[in-house]
Amino acid sequence: MPPETPSDEIRYRFENGVSWITLNRPDAMNALTWDQRDRVIALLADASADPAVRAVVLTATGKGFCAGADLRGAPATADRVAGDVARMIRLGAQRLITAVLDCEKPVIAAVNGTAAGIGAHLALACDLVIAAEPARFIEVFVRRGLVPDGAGAYLLPRLLGPQKAKELMFFGDAVPAAEAARLGLVNKVVPADELEAAARDWAERLAQGPTRALALTKQLVNASLDGDRATALAAEATAQELNMTTADANEGVTSFVERRTPKYLGR
């Protein structure tokens, strides 16, 4: 497990099987720098590889969850050559979102405030989203004359359908937390002072669950959005085959037969 880093721009702590990753640039509304992005990616990779980590919470300090990308350090416009922008997107925003989608542990976004641009996509790529009442989600790209990046045009149609996704992306209007929940972008909305407790409750419940089964379930659901029925059913059968080799699957079946509560170890 990585050490705690309480004073960094990315705070990290580990407790009760849960990795807490906290964006910590409140004065900048947690706009992501390149270094922060790489740190989050590394922590998510560590979470996948560490059997002690059984769930992840991604949250932020201050009034904003993430205002988007901090472009300082990007190549100056005058110095760019063909291919620079596409490479920057692939290695930056897309790599960050992929790290969330591919993390082998369930990832909860605890959205404390405004999530704009890549910040919105960072939250929506998570497996579960809990939002504080003041939170807002903004497809801010159109306001800057930009095309959405960070997998936005991939994620939103799958969450909302194409028409509603286009509406949000074409107009760039802020979506309050309650409306986001109505649309299905958010699982739960809670008062701001209850956000951490709500995230902890869900994360620690997940951390007591059958971790490998959850990882395989996540993979199945994510892949189902991209493939045909035959591919999805083949993947399901393979996932069941793999999962039945785990200690937790054996414990789940045995505890059912013995009429007791299962004790999952994440293995």
Foldseek 3Di string as FASTA:
>chain_A
DDDADCPDCWGWDDDLQEIETEREPQVQLSAAEQVNLVVLLVVLVVLQVDLSRAEYEYAYDHAHGYAYHDCPVQDDPVPDDPPRVVVCQVVGLQSSLVSQLLRLHQYEYLTLAEQEQSRLSNRLSGPAYEYEQHHKYWPCQVVVVHDGGSCLVPRVCVQQNDVVSCVRNNPRDIQGPVNCVVRRSHVYYDHSVCRVVVVVVVRSVSSQAQSNLVSLVSVLVVVVVPDDPVVSVVSVVVSVVVSCVDPQVVQVVVCVVVVHDGGHSND
